[in-house]
Amino acid sequence: MISLLDLFILSSFLNCLVICISFEQQTPFTAADEAHRPSIPGGSTFEYCSESHPENDIFTIERIKWEPNPPIISREQKLLIFGIFSQRIPSNATGIGEIHIPEWQDPYSPAANYTGTEPFCGWPNYVYQSDEERGLHKVCDGAVGRNDSAPEAGPAILVAEDILFWPLPEGKYWFKLDMLMPENDAGGRGGRIFCLEGSVDLYY
């Protein structure tokens, strides 16, 4: 089984089961696209997706902390995304993750040209929020496949931690994670929670 931490740290993100799998070749973003996107504080390799408009995202990312950076194969990884939700996130929101590796690498690797879809609260290991009554508490617990509640409007910390355990070839990987609200009543696409993409050099 493939977790979205593994998906997103090759990417980077996680200890969750992927429920929808397909394979497709896509063209990674170009240097020209990269130059026009705002940076994300924290020193990670993550950037906003080329097709996204972060000023309109439901989750405003303030910074990303990734340890170790870059990730090391067979070592524990930890990713923290700090930000603010502008509205409540329902349990049927989804995340779509993709991984692509250069053609010279093993095309049959489980991380090669991979796309998976997962419910929002099945994606991070934990989402933490705080209020006066409960203090800092979990609102999603993807580590056990359970939604304690839905994330509410306000500050939050998205936490992903796992071990990147696949026997992967060393080299550069391109990844993407697109988090979306459910379709509206008319069947149209919901708003974007956030979208990240980037590349990373993996090594032992």
Protein backbone atom coordinates (compact mmCIF):
# COMPACT_ATOMS: atom_id res chain seq x y z
CA MET A 1 0.00 0.00 0.00
CA ILE A 2 1.17 3.53 -0.74
CA SER A 3 0.83 6.40 1.69
CA LEU A 4 0.42 10.01 0.72
CA LEU A 5 3.45 10.95 2.78
CA ASP A 6 5.43 8.63 0.56
CA LEU A 7 3.55 10.10 -2.36
CA PHE A 8 4.16 13.66 -1.29
CA ILE A 9 7.67 13.35 0.02
CA LEU A 10 8.79 11.95 -3.13
CA SER A 11 6.80 14.27 -2.88
CA SER A 12 6.53 14.11 0.69
CA PHE A 13 3.32 13.44 2.61
CA LEU A 14 2.00 10.00 4.37
CA ASN A 15 0.71 7.14 6.38
CA CYS A 16 -2.66 6.79 4.60
CA LEU A 17 -4.09 4.33 2.10
CA VAL A 18 -4.69 5.59 -1.40
CA ILE A 19 -8.18 4.76 -2.61
CA CYS A 20 -7.99 5.62 -6.28
CA ILE A 21 -4.98 4.85 -8.49
CA SER A 22 -4.21 5.67 -12.09
CA PHE A 23 -1.10 6.27 -14.15
CA GLU A 24 -0.50 9.17 -16.49
CA GLN A 25 2.37 11.08 -18.03
CA GLN A 26 2.32 14.81 -17.45
CA THR A 27 4.75 17.63 -18.14
CA PRO A 28 6.30 19.16 -15.02
CA PHE A 29 6.12 22.92 -14.57
CA THR A 30 8.74 24.95 -16.42
CA ALA A 31 11.28 27.47 -15.18
CA ALA A 32 9.14 30.24 -16.69
CA ASP A 33 6.12 29.10 -14.65
CA GLU A 34 8.28 28.91 -11.53
CA ALA A 35 9.50 32.49 -11.89
CA HIS A 36 5.97 33.92 -11.65
CA ARG A 37 4.84 32.09 -8.51
CA PRO A 38 5.16 33.54 -4.98
CA SER A 39 7.55 31.70 -2.69
CA ILE A 40 6.52 29.86 0.48
CA PRO A 41 8.57 30.69 3.61
CA GLY A 42 10.42 27.91 5.40
CA GLY A 43 13.18 26.89 3.01
CA SER A 44 11.47 23.79 1.56
CA THR A 45 11.31 22.94 -2.16
CA PHE A 46 7.51 23.28 -2.19
CA GLU A 47 5.90 25.98 -4.31
CA TYR A 48 2.37 26.90 -5.32
CA CYS A 49 1.09 25.03 -8.36
CA SER A 50 1.43 26.85 -11.65
CA GLU A 51 -2.35 26.75 -12.23
CA SER A 52 -3.32 27.92 -8.73
CA HIS A 53 -4.04 31.41 -7.40
CA PRO A 54 -2.93 31.25 -3.75
CA GLU A 55 -4.62 34.55 -2.94
CA ASN A 56 -7.94 32.75 -3.53
CA ASP A 57 -7.06 29.53 -1.66
CA ILE A 58 -9.16 28.49 1.34
CA PHE A 59 -6.02 27.55 3.29
CA THR A 60 -3.44 30.35 3.36
CA ILE A 61 0.01 28.82 3.85
CA GLU A 62 2.24 30.85 6.17
CA ARG A 63 5.30 28.57 6.16
CA ILE A 64 6.43 24.97 5.68
CA LYS A 65 8.88 23.09 7.90
CA TRP A 66 10.35 19.88 6.46
CA GLU A 67 12.83 17.63 8.28
CA PRO A 68 15.18 16.43 6.95
CA ASN A 69 15.29 18.72 3.94
CA PRO A 70 15.73 17.15 1.44
CA PRO A 71 14.26 13.82 2.59
CA ILE A 72 16.49 10.75 2.82
CA ILE A 73 15.32 7.29 1.70
CA SER A 74 14.73 4.91 4.65
CA ARG A 75 14.78 7.80 7.15
CA GLU A 76 11.87 9.23 9.14
CA GLN A 77 10.37 12.35 7.54
CA LYS A 78 8.34 15.11 9.18
CA LEU A 79 6.46 17.84 7.35
CA LEU A 80 4.57 20.68 9.05
CA ILE A 81 2.44 23.17 7.13
CA PHE A 82 1.37 26.24 9.11
CA GLY A 83 -1.53 28.34 7.85
CA ILE A 84 -5.09 29.61 8.22
CA PHE A 85 -8.38 28.15 6.96
CA SER A 86 -10.82 30.83 5.79
CA GLN A 87 -13.79 28.46 6.18
CA ARG A 88 -14.76 25.02 7.46
CA ILE A 89 -13.47 22.04 5.42
CA PRO A 90 -16.11 19.29 5.00
CA SER A 91 -15.16 15.64 5.32
CA ASN A 92 -15.82 14.98 1.62
CA ALA A 93 -13.13 17.40 0.46
CA THR A 94 -10.33 15.57 -1.41
CA GLY A 95 -6.64 15.67 -2.20
CA ILE A 96 -5.11 14.54 -5.50
CA GLY A 97 -1.43 13.62 -5.35
CA GLU A 98 0.95 12.94 -8.25
CA ILE A 99 4.55 11.75 -8.58
CA HIS A 100 6.65 11.71 -11.74
CA ILE A 101 10.22 10.50 -12.20
CA PRO A 102 12.56 10.96 -15.19
CA GLU A 103 12.18 8.39 -17.96
CA TRP A 104 15.70 7.08 -17.40
CA GLN A 105 14.65 5.77 -14.01
CA ASP A 106 12.71 2.54 -13.47
CA PRO A 107 9.23 3.13 -15.01
CA TYR A 108 7.85 0.27 -12.88
CA SER A 109 8.85 1.86 -9.58
CA PRO A 110 5.76 2.38 -7.36
CA ALA A 111 6.50 6.10 -7.40
CA ALA A 112 6.74 6.39 -11.17
CA ASN A 113 4.10 8.54 -12.86
CA TYR A 114 1.62 7.88 -10.07
CA THR A 115 -1.66 9.63 -9.27
CA GLY A 116 -3.80 8.99 -6.19
CA THR A 117 -6.93 10.54 -4.65
CA GLU A 118 -7.62 10.62 -0.90
CA PRO A 119 -10.20 12.31 1.39
CA PHE A 120 -8.82 15.49 2.94
CA CYS A 121 -8.72 14.09 6.48
CA GLY A 122 -7.09 10.90 5.21
CA TRP A 123 -4.15 12.87 3.87
CA PRO A 124 -2.13 14.34 6.77
CA ASN A 125 -1.36 12.26 9.82
CA TYR A 126 -2.85 15.03 11.93
CA VAL A 127 -4.43 18.47 11.66
CA TYR A 128 -4.18 20.55 14.82
CA GLN A 129 -6.23 23.59 15.76
CA SER A 130 -6.74 25.50 19.01
CA ASP A 131 -9.70 27.07 20.83
CA GLU A 132 -10.36 28.42 24.34
CA GLU A 133 -12.31 25.37 25.46
CA ARG A 134 -10.00 22.58 24.27
CA GLY A 135 -6.69 24.29 23.66
CA LEU A 136 -4.52 22.63 21.01
CA HIS A 137 -6.37 19.55 19.71
CA LYS A 138 -6.64 17.23 16.69
CA VAL A 139 -9.38 17.86 14.16
CA CYS A 140 -8.23 15.13 11.74
CA ASP A 141 -6.38 11.92 12.56
CA GLY A 142 -5.35 10.28 9.31
CA ALA A 143 -2.94 7.97 11.14
CA VAL A 144 -5.90 5.83 12.25
CA GLY A 145 -8.19 6.70 9.32
CA ARG A 146 -10.55 8.69 11.49
CA ASN A 147 -12.08 12.18 11.32
CA ASP A 148 -12.42 13.56 14.84
CA SER A 149 -14.11 16.60 13.36
CA ALA A 150 -13.69 18.81 10.32
CA PRO A 151 -11.16 21.66 10.29
CA GLU A 152 -12.84 24.95 11.14
CA ALA A 153 -12.00 28.47 9.99
CA GLY A 154 -8.88 29.69 11.76
CA PRO A 155 -5.18 28.85 12.24
CA ALA A 156 -4.07 25.23 11.83
CA ILE A 157 -1.00 23.00 11.62
CA LEU A 158 -1.01 20.13 9.11
CA VAL A 159 1.41 17.40 10.22
CA ALA A 160 2.74 14.53 8.11
CA GLU A 161 5.28 12.05 9.46
CA ASP A 162 6.37 8.67 8.17
CA ILE A 163 9.37 6.68 6.97
CA LEU A 164 10.19 6.82 3.28
CA PHE A 165 10.64 3.08 3.00
CA TRP A 166 10.36 2.21 -0.71
CA PRO A 167 13.51 0.84 -2.41
CA LEU A 168 13.62 3.87 -4.68
CA PRO A 169 16.31 4.80 -7.19
CA GLU A 170 18.23 7.93 -6.28
CA GLY A 171 17.56 10.99 -8.40
CA LYS A 172 15.15 13.86 -8.96
CA TYR A 173 11.40 13.40 -8.40
CA TRP A 174 8.60 15.82 -9.32
CA PHE A 175 5.47 15.90 -7.19
CA LYS A 176 2.17 17.69 -6.75
CA LEU A 177 -0.65 17.81 -4.19
CA ASP A 178 -3.95 19.53 -5.07
CA MET A 179 -6.52 19.81 -2.24
CA LEU A 180 -10.07 20.59 -3.40
CA MET A 181 -13.48 21.32 -1.91
CA PRO A 182 -16.40 19.05 -2.94
CA GLU A 183 -18.35 19.72 -6.13
CA ASN A 184 -21.08 22.32 -5.80
CA ASP A 185 -24.81 21.59 -6.13
CA ALA A 186 -24.64 22.18 -9.88
CA GLY A 187 -21.91 19.55 -10.23
CA GLY A 188 -19.18 22.11 -10.82
CA ARG A 189 -15.71 21.92 -9.34
CA GLY A 190 -15.40 23.15 -5.76
CA GLY A 191 -12.91 25.76 -4.63
CA ARG A 192 -9.23 25.02 -4.08
CA ILE A 193 -8.04 24.52 -0.51
CA PHE A 194 -4.41 24.75 -1.62
CA CYS A 195 -2.10 23.29 -4.26
CA LEU A 196 1.63 22.58 -3.93
CA GLU A 197 4.21 21.16 -6.29
CA GLY A 198 7.95 20.90 -6.57
CA SER A 199 10.92 18.62 -7.11
CA VAL A 200 13.39 16.94 -4.79
CA ASP A 201 16.64 14.99 -5.11
CA LEU A 202 16.32 11.73 -3.16
CA TYR A 203 19.36 9.86 -1.92
CA TYR A 204 20.41 7.28 0.69
